[in-house]
Amino acid sequence: MEEEKKKKALAEKVAEILKANKNALYIGRVPPEYKRKFIQWAKEQFCDDYGMLLVHLMDVVGLADKRYEELNEKLDAVINWIQNIEDKIMRIEKDKPESVKKTVSGKILKD
């Protein structure tokens, strides 16, 4: 009976903590060096505000994703441009008459 009371009291305490910190975020399994750098960066650039540092990092990642998409689109355009040039070269070479080499006397030379 007393064990159940302890469990219930502990559950209530945890519920109170979670309610008080409803916007809190806990992240586990972070390598120590990255955690140290994150905390240091938050302290130096964001007045110890981990949330704002996280928002900043998400914005940077979002911008990087957008830049990545733009670069992919440009790369696709360049690839298409090159393929068009290659197609034109192939058509020109296909339509180009075979050159015949002749001597001054009119004899045809073989390659």
C-alpha atoms as a PDB file:
ATOM      1  CA  MET A   1       0.000   0.000   0.000  1.00  0.00           C
ATOM      2  CA  GLU A   2       2.756   2.416   0.937  1.00  0.00           C
ATOM      3  CA  GLU A   3       4.658   1.473  -2.227  1.00  0.00           C
ATOM      4  CA  GLU A   4       1.645   2.473  -4.314  1.00  0.00           C
ATOM      5  CA  LYS A   5       1.434   5.819  -2.515  1.00  0.00           C
ATOM      6  CA  LYS A   6       5.107   6.489  -3.310  1.00  0.00           C
ATOM      7  CA  LYS A   7       4.570   5.607  -6.972  1.00  0.00           C
ATOM      8  CA  LYS A   8       1.485   7.801  -7.140  1.00  0.00           C
ATOM      9  CA  ALA A   9       3.301  10.703  -5.455  1.00  0.00           C
ATOM     10  CA  LEU A  10       6.228  10.313  -7.834  1.00  0.00           C
ATOM     11  CA  ALA A  11       3.895  10.221 -10.856  1.00  0.00           C
ATOM     12  CA  GLU A  12       2.146  13.377  -9.634  1.00  0.00           C
ATOM     13  CA  LYS A  13       5.478  15.117  -9.130  1.00  0.00           C
ATOM     14  CA  VAL A  14       6.608  14.171 -12.642  1.00  0.00           C
ATOM     15  CA  ALA A  15       3.266  15.371 -14.049  1.00  0.00           C
ATOM     16  CA  GLU A  16       3.700  18.727 -12.261  1.00  0.00           C
ATOM     17  CA  ILE A  17       7.230  19.134 -13.623  1.00  0.00           C
ATOM     18  CA  LEU A  18       6.086  18.295 -17.140  1.00  0.00           C
ATOM     19  CA  LYS A  19       3.144  20.685 -16.860  1.00  0.00           C
ATOM     20  CA  ALA A  20       5.392  23.482 -15.607  1.00  0.00           C
ATOM     21  CA  ASN A  21       7.859  22.851 -18.434  1.00  0.00           C
ATOM     22  CA  LYS A  22       5.407  22.080 -21.232  1.00  0.00           C
ATOM     23  CA  ASN A  23       7.684  23.725 -23.790  1.00  0.00           C
ATOM     24  CA  ALA A  24      10.827  22.027 -22.524  1.00  0.00           C
ATOM     25  CA  LEU A  25      12.770  19.776 -24.835  1.00  0.00           C
ATOM     26  CA  TYR A  26      15.032  16.983 -23.689  1.00  0.00           C
ATOM     27  CA  ILE A  27      17.421  15.384 -26.137  1.00  0.00           C
ATOM     28  CA  GLY A  28      19.462  12.341 -25.252  1.00  0.00           C
ATOM     29  CA  ARG A  29      22.362  10.519 -26.866  1.00  0.00           C
ATOM     30  CA  VAL A  30      24.227  13.684 -27.884  1.00  0.00           C
ATOM     31  CA  PRO A  31      27.989  13.190 -28.163  1.00  0.00           C
ATOM     32  CA  PRO A  32      29.675  15.150 -25.338  1.00  0.00           C
ATOM     33  CA  GLU A  33      31.723  17.365 -27.670  1.00  0.00           C
ATOM     34  CA  TYR A  34      28.607  18.426 -29.619  1.00  0.00           C
ATOM     35  CA  LYS A  35      26.688  19.032 -26.406  1.00  0.00           C
ATOM     36  CA  ARG A  36      29.529  21.194 -25.071  1.00  0.00           C
ATOM     37  CA  LYS A  37      29.678  23.198 -28.329  1.00  0.00           C
ATOM     38  CA  PHE A  38      25.895  23.612 -28.402  1.00  0.00           C
ATOM     39  CA  ILE A  39      25.817  24.903 -24.822  1.00  0.00           C
ATOM     40  CA  GLN A  40      28.775  27.217 -25.467  1.00  0.00           C
ATOM     41  CA  TRP A  41      27.215  28.613 -28.644  1.00  0.00           C
ATOM     42  CA  ALA A  42      23.883  29.159 -26.898  1.00  0.00           C
ATOM     43  CA  LYS A  43      25.660  30.972 -24.082  1.00  0.00           C
ATOM     44  CA  GLU A  44      27.770  33.183 -26.358  1.00  0.00           C
ATOM     45  CA  GLN A  45      25.270  33.985 -29.115  1.00  0.00           C
ATOM     46  CA  PHE A  46      21.791  33.429 -27.648  1.00  0.00           C
ATOM     47  CA  CYS A  47      22.034  34.378 -23.942  1.00  0.00           C
ATOM     48  CA  ASP A  48      21.810  30.714 -22.869  1.00  0.00           C
ATOM     49  CA  ASP A  49      18.561  30.326 -24.827  1.00  0.00           C
ATOM     50  CA  TYR A  50      18.766  26.796 -26.230  1.00  0.00           C
ATOM     51  CA  GLY A  51      15.397  27.169 -27.907  1.00  0.00           C
ATOM     52  CA  MET A  52      16.448  30.177 -29.967  1.00  0.00           C
ATOM     53  CA  LEU A  53      19.677  28.436 -30.971  1.00  0.00           C
ATOM     54  CA  LEU A  54      17.601  25.456 -32.095  1.00  0.00           C
ATOM     55  CA  VAL A  55      15.314  27.773 -34.090  1.00  0.00           C
ATOM     56  CA  HIS A  56      18.388  29.388 -35.678  1.00  0.00           C
ATOM     57  CA  LEU A  57      19.839  25.990 -36.608  1.00  0.00           C
ATOM     58  CA  MET A  58      16.524  24.882 -38.091  1.00  0.00           C
ATOM     59  CA  ASP A  59      16.387  28.081 -40.151  1.00  0.00           C
ATOM     60  CA  VAL A  60      19.923  27.482 -41.399  1.00  0.00           C
ATOM     61  CA  VAL A  61      19.071  23.890 -42.317  1.00  0.00           C
ATOM     62  CA  GLY A  62      15.934  25.100 -44.081  1.00  0.00           C
ATOM     63  CA  LEU A  63      17.994  27.597 -46.050  1.00  0.00           C
ATOM     64  CA  ALA A  64      20.529  24.912 -46.851  1.00  0.00           C
ATOM     65  CA  ASP A  65      17.754  22.630 -48.082  1.00  0.00           C
ATOM     66  CA  LYS A  66      16.415  25.417 -50.294  1.00  0.00           C
ATOM     67  CA  ARG A  67      19.891  26.134 -51.678  1.00  0.00           C
ATOM     68  CA  TYR A  68      20.397  22.421 -52.273  1.00  0.00           C
ATOM     69  CA  GLU A  69      17.133  22.260 -54.227  1.00  0.00           C
ATOM     70  CA  GLU A  70      18.108  25.342 -56.258  1.00  0.00           C
ATOM     71  CA  LEU A  71      21.511  23.840 -57.043  1.00  0.00           C
ATOM     72  CA  ASN A  72      19.873  20.572 -58.089  1.00  0.00           C
ATOM     73  CA  GLU A  73      17.543  22.461 -60.427  1.00  0.00           C
ATOM     74  CA  LYS A  74      20.464  24.365 -61.942  1.00  0.00           C
ATOM     75  CA  LEU A  75      22.482  21.173 -62.272  1.00  0.00           C
ATOM     76  CA  ASP A  76      19.554  19.487 -64.040  1.00  0.00           C
ATOM     77  CA  ALA A  77      19.343  22.471 -66.411  1.00  0.00           C
ATOM     78  CA  VAL A  78      23.064  22.214 -67.185  1.00  0.00           C
ATOM     79  CA  ILE A  79      22.766  18.465 -67.761  1.00  0.00           C
ATOM     80  CA  ASN A  80      19.859  19.027 -70.160  1.00  0.00           C
ATOM     81  CA  TRP A  81      21.809  21.760 -71.952  1.00  0.00           C
ATOM     82  CA  ILE A  82      24.807  19.425 -72.382  1.00  0.00           C
ATOM     83  CA  GLN A  83      22.568  16.603 -73.614  1.00  0.00           C
ATOM     84  CA  ASN A  84      21.002  18.948 -76.185  1.00  0.00           C
ATOM     85  CA  ILE A  85      24.450  19.953 -77.410  1.00  0.00           C
ATOM     86  CA  GLU A  86      25.508  16.307 -77.634  1.00  0.00           C
ATOM     87  CA  ASP A  87      22.328  15.498 -79.599  1.00  0.00           C
ATOM     88  CA  LYS A  88      23.012  18.351 -82.028  1.00  0.00           C
ATOM     89  CA  ILE A  89      26.600  17.180 -82.515  1.00  0.00           C
ATOM     90  CA  MET A  90      25.407  13.618 -83.173  1.00  0.00           C
ATOM     91  CA  ARG A  91      22.855  14.850 -85.752  1.00  0.00           C
ATOM     92  CA  ILE A  92      25.455  17.017 -87.486  1.00  0.00           C
ATOM     93  CA  GLU A  93      27.946  14.159 -87.607  1.00  0.00           C
ATOM     94  CA  LYS A  94      25.250  11.781 -88.869  1.00  0.00           C
ATOM     95  CA  ASP A  95      24.117  14.184 -91.598  1.00  0.00           C
ATOM     96  CA  LYS A  96      27.662  15.140 -92.548  1.00  0.00           C
ATOM     97  CA  PRO A  97      28.701  13.521 -95.837  1.00  0.00           C
ATOM     98  CA  GLU A  98      31.645  11.234 -95.624  1.00  0.00           C
ATOM     99  CA  SER A  99      34.758  13.042 -96.769  1.00  0.00           C
ATOM    100  CA  VAL A 100      36.521  11.531 -99.702  1.00  0.00           C
ATOM    101  CA  LYS A 101      40.205  12.181-100.160  1.00  0.00           C
ATOM    102  CA  LYS A 102      41.453  12.295-103.695  1.00  0.00           C
ATOM    103  CA  THR A 103      44.849  12.812-105.149  1.00  0.00           C
ATOM    104  CA  VAL A 104      45.504  15.397-107.817  1.00  0.00           C
ATOM    105  CA  SER A 105      45.145  12.682-110.408  1.00  0.00           C
ATOM    106  CA  GLY A 106      41.658  11.807-109.072  1.00  0.00           C
ATOM    107  CA  LYS A 107      42.607   8.573-107.377  1.00  0.00           C
ATOM    108  CA  ILE A 108      40.553   7.979-104.199  1.00  0.00           C
ATOM    109  CA  LEU A 109      42.566   7.405-101.057  1.00  0.00           C
ATOM    110  CA  LYS A 110      41.326   5.015 -98.378  1.00  0.00           C
ATOM    111  CA  ASP A 111      41.633   5.899 -94.691  1.00  0.00           C
END
